[in-house]
Amino acid sequence: MPVSFEQYNQGYNVGVGGAVVRGRSVLFVRRASRYGRGNWQIPGGFVDRDETLDSAVVREVREETGVEASVQGVLAVRSRWDDTNSTYVVFLMRPEAGEPVPGDEVDRAAYLTLSELDALEQVPEINRAIAARALGASRNLLYPADVENPRGGEYCLFLG
C-alpha cells in the first residue's frame, strides 16, 4: 500500500529516480504537485514498503510518463540529512515501449538533450548532473547480479 508524502518525510525515506536514455536525450518530467512544482526532474518517487528499489523505479517511470523502461544499473546514490534522513538511488534505464505523456504528479514529460535542459529555468542541479552522467562515456555502473535470496521474496544485488 502506498504511503503518503507526509508519512515518508517523518524521519527516514528512500526514493528512486530513473535516468531513461534514448539516443542523446534523457527522459524528464515537470512536477505539478505542491512539492517541487515547476521543477524539471528525472521521473521517480518514493519506494513503497512492499517493493524493491528496482521495481519501484520501473513503476515510478511508468506512472509519471507512460514509458515502460528496464533497469540497466545503478548510476548514482544521494544521501541527505536535514530534518529528514533521505536516501535517493538513481538507475540508468533503457526505454522499452511507449512515448512520454504526463502522468501522476507531473504536467509535462519529454526526452531532453543537455542543451534543451540548460535552456529551462527550473532544473535542480542534481538532475542536470544526473543527465550529464547518464549521457557520458564513463558511467561506472553497478549492475544487477543473479543471487538467490535464501529467505525468499524479491531480491536484487547490484555489483560493480
N, C-alpha and C. Protein backbone atom coordinates (compact mmCIF):
# COMPACT_ATOMS: atom_id res chain seq x y z
N MET A 1 0.84 -1.18 0.00
CA MET A 1 0.00 0.00 0.00
C MET A 1 0.89 1.24 0.00
N PRO A 2 0.64 2.19 -0.93
CA PRO A 2 1.44 3.41 -0.98
C PRO A 2 1.32 4.21 0.31
N VAL A 3 2.39 4.87 0.65
CA VAL A 3 2.44 5.70 1.84
C VAL A 3 2.45 7.15 1.39
N SER A 4 1.79 8.02 2.14
CA SER A 4 1.69 9.42 1.75
C SER A 4 3.03 10.13 1.86
N PHE A 5 3.14 11.26 1.15
CA PHE A 5 4.36 12.07 1.19
C PHE A 5 4.68 12.47 2.62
N GLU A 6 3.68 12.88 3.38
CA GLU A 6 3.90 13.30 4.77
C GLU A 6 4.45 12.16 5.61
N GLN A 7 3.96 10.93 5.41
CA GLN A 7 4.45 9.78 6.16
C GLN A 7 5.91 9.48 5.82
N TYR A 8 6.28 9.64 4.55
CA TYR A 8 7.66 9.36 4.14
C TYR A 8 8.64 10.33 4.76
N ASN A 9 8.20 11.55 4.96
CA ASN A 9 9.11 12.57 5.46
C ASN A 9 9.10 12.68 6.98
N GLN A 10 8.84 11.60 7.66
CA GLN A 10 8.90 11.57 9.12
C GLN A 10 10.09 10.73 9.54
N GLY A 11 11.27 11.30 9.45
CA GLY A 11 12.46 10.65 9.94
C GLY A 11 13.36 10.03 8.90
N TYR A 12 12.81 9.18 8.03
CA TYR A 12 13.65 8.45 7.09
C TYR A 12 12.83 8.09 5.86
N ASN A 13 13.42 8.25 4.67
CA ASN A 13 12.74 7.81 3.46
C ASN A 13 13.75 7.34 2.42
N VAL A 14 13.25 6.55 1.49
CA VAL A 14 14.06 6.05 0.37
C VAL A 14 13.32 6.38 -0.92
N GLY A 15 14.02 7.03 -1.83
CA GLY A 15 13.44 7.37 -3.12
C GLY A 15 14.29 6.82 -4.24
N VAL A 16 13.69 6.78 -5.43
CA VAL A 16 14.38 6.31 -6.62
C VAL A 16 14.13 7.28 -7.77
N GLY A 17 15.07 7.32 -8.71
CA GLY A 17 14.91 8.10 -9.92
C GLY A 17 15.37 7.28 -11.11
N GLY A 18 14.73 7.49 -12.25
CA GLY A 18 15.09 6.75 -13.45
C GLY A 18 15.63 7.66 -14.53
N ALA A 19 16.91 7.52 -14.86
CA ALA A 19 17.53 8.25 -15.96
C ALA A 19 17.35 7.39 -17.21
N VAL A 20 16.23 7.61 -17.91
CA VAL A 20 15.89 6.83 -19.10
C VAL A 20 16.52 7.52 -20.30
N VAL A 21 17.48 6.83 -20.93
CA VAL A 21 18.25 7.42 -22.03
C VAL A 21 17.76 6.87 -23.37
N ARG A 22 17.47 7.80 -24.28
CA ARG A 22 17.13 7.45 -25.67
C ARG A 22 17.98 8.32 -26.57
N GLY A 23 18.94 7.69 -27.24
CA GLY A 23 19.87 8.44 -28.09
C GLY A 23 20.70 9.38 -27.24
N ARG A 24 20.64 10.68 -27.53
CA ARG A 24 21.39 11.70 -26.77
C ARG A 24 20.45 12.50 -25.85
N SER A 25 19.33 11.89 -25.47
CA SER A 25 18.33 12.55 -24.63
C SER A 25 18.02 11.72 -23.40
N VAL A 26 17.58 12.42 -22.36
CA VAL A 26 17.15 11.78 -21.11
C VAL A 26 15.70 12.18 -20.86
N LEU A 27 14.92 11.24 -20.37
CA LEU A 27 13.51 11.48 -20.07
C LEU A 27 13.38 12.37 -18.83
N PHE A 28 12.64 13.47 -18.97
CA PHE A 28 12.39 14.39 -17.86
C PHE A 28 10.90 14.65 -17.71
N VAL A 29 10.51 15.01 -16.49
CA VAL A 29 9.13 15.40 -16.20
C VAL A 29 9.16 16.76 -15.51
N ARG A 30 8.05 17.50 -15.63
CA ARG A 30 7.90 18.74 -14.88
C ARG A 30 6.88 18.50 -13.78
N ARG A 31 7.31 18.69 -12.54
CA ARG A 31 6.47 18.43 -11.37
C ARG A 31 5.27 19.37 -11.33
N ALA A 32 4.09 18.79 -11.06
CA ALA A 32 2.86 19.57 -10.92
C ALA A 32 2.33 19.53 -9.49
N SER A 33 2.88 18.65 -8.66
CA SER A 33 2.43 18.56 -7.27
C SER A 33 3.01 19.72 -6.47
N ARG A 34 2.49 19.93 -5.27
CA ARG A 34 2.93 21.08 -4.47
C ARG A 34 4.40 21.01 -4.13
N TYR A 35 4.96 19.82 -3.96
CA TYR A 35 6.38 19.68 -3.65
C TYR A 35 7.18 19.68 -4.95
N GLY A 36 7.94 20.72 -5.18
CA GLY A 36 8.75 20.80 -6.39
C GLY A 36 8.03 21.31 -7.61
N ARG A 37 6.86 21.91 -7.45
CA ARG A 37 6.06 22.37 -8.59
C ARG A 37 6.92 23.19 -9.57
N GLY A 38 6.86 22.82 -10.84
CA GLY A 38 7.58 23.53 -11.89
C GLY A 38 8.99 23.03 -12.15
N ASN A 39 9.53 22.20 -11.25
CA ASN A 39 10.87 21.66 -11.45
C ASN A 39 10.88 20.60 -12.54
N TRP A 40 11.89 20.65 -13.39
CA TRP A 40 12.15 19.59 -14.37
C TRP A 40 13.09 18.60 -13.71
N GLN A 41 12.66 17.34 -13.63
CA GLN A 41 13.43 16.31 -12.95
C GLN A 41 13.32 14.99 -13.71
N ILE A 42 14.23 14.07 -13.41
CA ILE A 42 14.05 12.72 -13.94
C ILE A 42 12.86 12.12 -13.19
N PRO A 43 12.10 11.23 -13.82
CA PRO A 43 10.96 10.63 -13.13
C PRO A 43 11.40 9.79 -11.94
N GLY A 44 10.57 9.77 -10.93
CA GLY A 44 10.90 8.98 -9.75
C GLY A 44 10.00 9.31 -8.59
N GLY A 45 10.28 8.68 -7.47
CA GLY A 45 9.47 8.91 -6.28
C GLY A 45 9.91 7.99 -5.16
N PHE A 46 9.03 7.86 -4.19
CA PHE A 46 9.33 7.05 -3.01
C PHE A 46 9.12 5.56 -3.26
N VAL A 47 9.89 4.76 -2.56
CA VAL A 47 9.78 3.30 -2.63
C VAL A 47 8.70 2.88 -1.64
N ASP A 48 7.75 2.08 -2.11
CA ASP A 48 6.72 1.54 -1.23
C ASP A 48 7.32 0.42 -0.39
N ARG A 49 6.73 0.15 0.73
CA ARG A 49 7.25 -0.84 1.68
C ARG A 49 7.30 -2.26 1.12
N ASP A 50 6.49 -2.54 0.10
CA ASP A 50 6.40 -3.90 -0.42
C ASP A 50 7.09 -4.08 -1.77
N GLU A 51 8.11 -3.25 -2.07
CA GLU A 51 8.78 -3.38 -3.36
C GLU A 51 10.29 -3.13 -3.22
N THR A 52 11.03 -3.67 -4.17
CA THR A 52 12.48 -3.44 -4.22
C THR A 52 12.74 -2.10 -4.90
N LEU A 53 13.95 -1.61 -4.77
CA LEU A 53 14.31 -0.34 -5.40
C LEU A 53 14.12 -0.39 -6.91
N ASP A 54 14.58 -1.48 -7.54
CA ASP A 54 14.49 -1.57 -8.99
C ASP A 54 13.05 -1.70 -9.48
N SER A 55 12.19 -2.40 -8.75
CA SER A 55 10.78 -2.47 -9.18
C SER A 55 10.10 -1.13 -8.94
N ALA A 56 10.50 -0.40 -7.89
CA ALA A 56 9.92 0.92 -7.63
C ALA A 56 10.23 1.91 -8.75
N VAL A 57 11.46 1.92 -9.25
CA VAL A 57 11.80 2.88 -10.29
C VAL A 57 11.08 2.56 -11.60
N VAL A 58 10.90 1.28 -11.92
CA VAL A 58 10.13 0.90 -13.12
C VAL A 58 8.70 1.40 -12.98
N ARG A 59 8.10 1.21 -11.80
CA ARG A 59 6.73 1.67 -11.54
C ARG A 59 6.63 3.19 -11.65
N GLU A 60 7.56 3.90 -10.99
CA GLU A 60 7.50 5.36 -10.99
C GLU A 60 7.64 5.94 -12.40
N VAL A 61 8.56 5.41 -13.20
CA VAL A 61 8.72 5.89 -14.57
C VAL A 61 7.43 5.67 -15.36
N ARG A 62 6.84 4.49 -15.23
CA ARG A 62 5.60 4.19 -15.93
C ARG A 62 4.46 5.11 -15.47
N GLU A 63 4.31 5.31 -14.15
CA GLU A 63 3.22 6.14 -13.62
C GLU A 63 3.36 7.60 -14.05
N GLU A 64 4.57 8.12 -14.09
CA GLU A 64 4.77 9.53 -14.37
C GLU A 64 4.88 9.86 -15.85
N THR A 65 5.22 8.87 -16.70
CA THR A 65 5.48 9.17 -18.11
C THR A 65 4.78 8.25 -19.11
N GLY A 66 4.27 7.12 -18.67
CA GLY A 66 3.71 6.14 -19.59
C GLY A 66 4.75 5.31 -20.31
N VAL A 67 6.03 5.54 -20.05
CA VAL A 67 7.11 4.82 -20.71
C VAL A 67 7.44 3.56 -19.90
N GLU A 68 7.49 2.43 -20.59
CA GLU A 68 7.96 1.19 -19.97
C GLU A 68 9.47 1.16 -20.17
N ALA A 69 10.21 1.01 -19.07
CA ALA A 69 11.67 1.04 -19.16
C ALA A 69 12.26 -0.07 -18.30
N SER A 70 13.45 -0.51 -18.67
CA SER A 70 14.12 -1.56 -17.91
C SER A 70 15.39 -1.00 -17.27
N VAL A 71 15.73 -1.55 -16.12
CA VAL A 71 16.90 -1.12 -15.36
C VAL A 71 18.17 -1.70 -15.98
N GLN A 72 19.16 -0.84 -16.20
CA GLN A 72 20.47 -1.28 -16.67
C GLN A 72 21.46 -1.38 -15.52
N GLY A 73 21.36 -0.48 -14.56
CA GLY A 73 22.26 -0.50 -13.42
C GLY A 73 22.06 0.73 -12.55
N VAL A 74 22.81 0.78 -11.45
CA VAL A 74 22.76 1.92 -10.54
C VAL A 74 23.73 2.97 -11.06
N LEU A 75 23.24 4.19 -11.26
CA LEU A 75 24.02 5.28 -11.80
C LEU A 75 24.57 6.19 -10.70
N ALA A 76 23.78 6.42 -9.65
CA ALA A 76 24.20 7.34 -8.59
C ALA A 76 23.40 7.08 -7.32
N VAL A 77 23.96 7.52 -6.21
CA VAL A 77 23.27 7.45 -4.92
C VAL A 77 23.46 8.78 -4.22
N ARG A 78 22.35 9.35 -3.72
CA ARG A 78 22.41 10.60 -2.96
C ARG A 78 21.94 10.31 -1.54
N SER A 79 22.71 10.77 -0.57
CA SER A 79 22.34 10.66 0.83
C SER A 79 22.23 12.07 1.38
N ARG A 80 21.13 12.34 2.12
CA ARG A 80 20.90 13.70 2.61
C ARG A 80 20.38 13.66 4.04
N TRP A 81 20.86 14.61 4.83
CA TRP A 81 20.30 14.81 6.16
C TRP A 81 20.00 16.30 6.31
N ASP A 82 18.75 16.62 6.61
CA ASP A 82 18.37 17.97 7.04
C ASP A 82 17.45 17.74 8.23
N ASP A 83 16.16 17.85 8.06
CA ASP A 83 15.26 17.44 9.15
C ASP A 83 14.78 16.00 8.93
N THR A 84 15.22 15.40 7.85
CA THR A 84 14.87 14.03 7.48
C THR A 84 16.12 13.35 6.95
N ASN A 85 16.25 12.06 7.22
CA ASN A 85 17.32 11.26 6.64
C ASN A 85 16.76 10.66 5.36
N SER A 86 17.35 11.02 4.22
CA SER A 86 16.79 10.63 2.93
C SER A 86 17.87 10.01 2.05
N THR A 87 17.53 8.87 1.46
CA THR A 87 18.41 8.19 0.51
C THR A 87 17.70 8.14 -0.84
N TYR A 88 18.44 8.45 -1.91
CA TYR A 88 17.88 8.51 -3.25
C TYR A 88 18.82 7.73 -4.17
N VAL A 89 18.30 6.70 -4.82
CA VAL A 89 19.09 5.84 -5.71
C VAL A 89 18.63 6.10 -7.14
N VAL A 90 19.59 6.42 -8.01
CA VAL A 90 19.29 6.72 -9.41
C VAL A 90 19.73 5.55 -10.28
N PHE A 91 18.82 5.10 -11.12
CA PHE A 91 19.09 3.98 -12.03
C PHE A 91 19.21 4.48 -13.46
N LEU A 92 20.16 3.93 -14.20
CA LEU A 92 20.22 4.12 -15.64
C LEU A 92 19.23 3.14 -16.23
N MET A 93 18.38 3.64 -17.13
CA MET A 93 17.31 2.80 -17.68
C MET A 93 17.26 2.90 -19.20
N ARG A 94 16.70 1.85 -19.80
CA ARG A 94 16.52 1.79 -21.25
C ARG A 94 15.02 1.78 -21.54
N PRO A 95 14.54 2.65 -22.45
CA PRO A 95 13.12 2.62 -22.81
C PRO A 95 12.80 1.35 -23.60
N GLU A 96 11.70 0.73 -23.27
CA GLU A 96 11.28 -0.50 -23.96
C GLU A 96 10.03 -0.26 -24.82
N ALA A 97 9.12 0.59 -24.34
CA ALA A 97 7.88 0.84 -25.08
C ALA A 97 7.24 2.13 -24.60
N GLY A 98 6.47 2.75 -25.47
CA GLY A 98 5.70 3.94 -25.10
C GLY A 98 6.44 5.24 -25.36
N GLU A 99 5.65 6.27 -25.54
CA GLU A 99 6.15 7.64 -25.69
C GLU A 99 5.74 8.43 -24.46
N PRO A 100 6.53 9.44 -24.08
CA PRO A 100 6.24 10.19 -22.87
C PRO A 100 4.92 10.95 -22.93
N VAL A 101 4.10 10.74 -21.93
CA VAL A 101 2.87 11.51 -21.71
C VAL A 101 2.81 11.81 -20.22
N PRO A 102 2.34 13.00 -19.84
CA PRO A 102 2.28 13.33 -18.41
C PRO A 102 1.37 12.36 -17.66
N GLY A 103 1.83 11.92 -16.51
CA GLY A 103 1.05 11.02 -15.67
C GLY A 103 0.91 11.58 -14.28
N ASP A 104 1.00 10.72 -13.27
CA ASP A 104 0.84 11.12 -11.88
C ASP A 104 1.80 12.23 -11.49
N GLU A 105 1.28 13.30 -10.91
CA GLU A 105 2.06 14.36 -10.27
C GLU A 105 2.92 15.19 -11.22
N VAL A 106 2.75 15.05 -12.53
CA VAL A 106 3.52 15.83 -13.49
C VAL A 106 2.59 16.42 -14.55
N ASP A 107 3.03 17.55 -15.15
CA ASP A 107 2.21 18.13 -16.22
C ASP A 107 2.92 18.14 -17.57
N ARG A 108 4.19 17.70 -17.60
CA ARG A 108 4.95 17.56 -18.84
C ARG A 108 5.87 16.36 -18.72
N ALA A 109 6.13 15.71 -19.84
CA ALA A 109 7.07 14.59 -19.91
C ALA A 109 7.68 14.61 -21.30
N ALA A 110 9.03 14.59 -21.36
CA ALA A 110 9.70 14.67 -22.66
C ALA A 110 11.14 14.20 -22.54
N TYR A 111 11.67 13.69 -23.65
CA TYR A 111 13.10 13.41 -23.75
C TYR A 111 13.79 14.73 -24.08
N LEU A 112 14.83 15.08 -23.31
CA LEU A 112 15.53 16.34 -23.49
C LEU A 112 17.03 16.11 -23.65
N THR A 113 17.65 16.86 -24.56
CA THR A 113 19.10 16.86 -24.68
C THR A 113 19.65 17.77 -23.58
N LEU A 114 20.96 17.74 -23.36
CA LEU A 114 21.55 18.62 -22.35
C LEU A 114 21.35 20.09 -22.70
N SER A 115 21.44 20.44 -23.99
CA SER A 115 21.24 21.85 -24.37
C SER A 115 19.79 22.28 -24.16
N GLU A 116 18.84 21.40 -24.43
CA GLU A 116 17.43 21.71 -24.16
C GLU A 116 17.20 21.86 -22.66
N LEU A 117 17.82 21.01 -21.89
CA LEU A 117 17.70 21.07 -20.43
C LEU A 117 18.29 22.39 -19.90
N ASP A 118 19.43 22.80 -20.43
CA ASP A 118 20.08 24.03 -20.00
C ASP A 118 19.25 25.27 -20.32
N ALA A 119 18.35 25.18 -21.30
CA ALA A 119 17.51 26.31 -21.67
C ALA A 119 16.30 26.47 -20.74
N LEU A 120 16.05 25.49 -19.86
CA LEU A 120 14.91 25.55 -18.95
C LEU A 120 15.30 26.27 -17.66
N GLU A 121 14.31 26.89 -17.01
CA GLU A 121 14.60 27.66 -15.81
C GLU A 121 14.69 26.82 -14.54
N GLN A 122 13.76 25.94 -14.32
CA GLN A 122 13.71 25.22 -13.05
C GLN A 122 14.23 23.79 -13.20
N VAL A 123 15.55 23.64 -13.18
CA VAL A 123 16.18 22.33 -13.24
C VAL A 123 17.11 22.22 -12.03
N PRO A 124 16.72 21.42 -11.01
CA PRO A 124 17.61 21.26 -9.86
C PRO A 124 18.97 20.73 -10.30
N GLU A 125 20.01 21.24 -9.68
CA GLU A 125 21.39 20.91 -10.06
C GLU A 125 21.64 19.40 -10.08
N ILE A 126 21.07 18.66 -9.13
CA ILE A 126 21.26 17.21 -9.09
C ILE A 126 20.76 16.56 -10.38
N ASN A 127 19.66 17.07 -10.94
CA ASN A 127 19.10 16.48 -12.16
C ASN A 127 19.94 16.79 -13.38
N ARG A 128 20.55 17.97 -13.44
CA ARG A 128 21.47 18.29 -14.54
C ARG A 128 22.69 17.38 -14.46
N ALA A 129 23.21 17.16 -13.24
CA ALA A 129 24.38 16.29 -13.05
C ALA A 129 24.06 14.85 -13.44
N ILE A 130 22.88 14.38 -13.08
CA ILE A 130 22.47 13.01 -13.41
C ILE A 130 22.37 12.85 -14.93
N ALA A 131 21.75 13.81 -15.60
CA ALA A 131 21.61 13.73 -17.06
C ALA A 131 22.97 13.71 -17.73
N ALA A 132 23.89 14.56 -17.28
CA ALA A 132 25.24 14.59 -17.87
C ALA A 132 25.94 13.25 -17.67
N ARG A 133 25.79 12.68 -16.50
CA ARG A 133 26.42 11.37 -16.21
C ARG A 133 25.79 10.27 -17.07
N ALA A 134 24.46 10.28 -17.17
CA ALA A 134 23.75 9.26 -17.95
C ALA A 134 24.14 9.30 -19.42
N LEU A 135 24.45 10.48 -19.94
CA LEU A 135 24.81 10.63 -21.34
C LEU A 135 26.31 10.56 -21.57
N GLY A 136 27.09 10.50 -20.51
CA GLY A 136 28.54 10.48 -20.62
C GLY A 136 29.08 9.14 -21.06
N ALA A 137 30.34 9.16 -21.45
CA ALA A 137 31.00 7.94 -21.92
C ALA A 137 31.33 6.99 -20.77
N SER A 138 31.67 7.54 -19.61
CA SER A 138 32.05 6.72 -18.46
C SER A 138 30.96 6.80 -17.39
N ARG A 139 30.29 5.68 -17.16
CA ARG A 139 29.19 5.68 -16.21
C ARG A 139 29.52 4.93 -14.93
N ASN A 140 30.43 3.95 -14.98
CA ASN A 140 30.80 3.16 -13.80
C ASN A 140 29.58 2.64 -13.04
N LEU A 141 28.75 1.91 -13.73
CA LEU A 141 27.51 1.41 -13.13
C LEU A 141 27.73 0.24 -12.19
N LEU A 142 26.79 0.07 -11.28
CA LEU A 142 26.64 -1.19 -10.54
C LEU A 142 25.55 -1.95 -11.28
N TYR A 143 25.85 -3.19 -11.67
CA TYR A 143 24.93 -3.98 -12.48
C TYR A 143 24.19 -5.01 -11.64
N PRO A 144 22.93 -5.33 -12.05
CA PRO A 144 22.20 -6.37 -11.31
C PRO A 144 22.89 -7.72 -11.47
N ALA A 145 22.98 -8.46 -10.36
CA ALA A 145 23.60 -9.78 -10.36
C ALA A 145 22.57 -10.81 -9.90
N ASP A 146 22.63 -12.00 -10.48
CA ASP A 146 21.73 -13.07 -10.07
C ASP A 146 22.25 -13.72 -8.79
N VAL A 147 21.57 -13.45 -7.70
CA VAL A 147 21.92 -14.02 -6.41
C VAL A 147 20.61 -14.49 -5.78
N GLU A 148 20.61 -15.69 -5.28
CA GLU A 148 19.39 -16.23 -4.68
C GLU A 148 19.23 -15.70 -3.26
N ASN A 149 18.01 -15.35 -2.93
CA ASN A 149 17.68 -14.90 -1.59
C ASN A 149 17.28 -16.13 -0.77
N PRO A 150 18.05 -16.51 0.22
CA PRO A 150 17.74 -17.72 0.98
C PRO A 150 16.43 -17.61 1.77
N ARG A 151 15.94 -16.39 1.98
CA ARG A 151 14.70 -16.20 2.73
C ARG A 151 13.49 -16.08 1.82
N GLY A 152 13.68 -16.16 0.50
CA GLY A 152 12.56 -16.00 -0.43
C GLY A 152 12.27 -14.53 -0.67
N GLY A 153 11.22 -14.25 -1.43
CA GLY A 153 10.86 -12.87 -1.74
C GLY A 153 11.72 -12.29 -2.84
N GLU A 154 11.41 -11.05 -3.19
CA GLU A 154 12.18 -10.38 -4.23
C GLU A 154 13.54 -9.98 -3.68
N TYR A 155 14.55 -10.01 -4.56
CA TYR A 155 15.91 -9.75 -4.12
C TYR A 155 16.72 -9.30 -5.32
N CYS A 156 17.49 -8.24 -5.17
CA CYS A 156 18.35 -7.80 -6.25
C CYS A 156 19.62 -7.23 -5.65
N LEU A 157 20.77 -7.71 -6.09
CA LEU A 157 22.07 -7.24 -5.66
C LEU A 157 22.72 -6.57 -6.86
N PHE A 158 23.26 -5.37 -6.65
CA PHE A 158 23.95 -4.65 -7.71
C PHE A 158 25.44 -4.64 -7.38
N LEU A 159 26.26 -5.08 -8.35
CA LEU A 159 27.71 -5.16 -8.15
C LEU A 159 28.45 -4.40 -9.26
N GLY A 160 29.62 -3.88 -8.93
CA GLY A 160 30.44 -3.16 -9.90
C GLY A 160 31.36 -4.07 -10.63
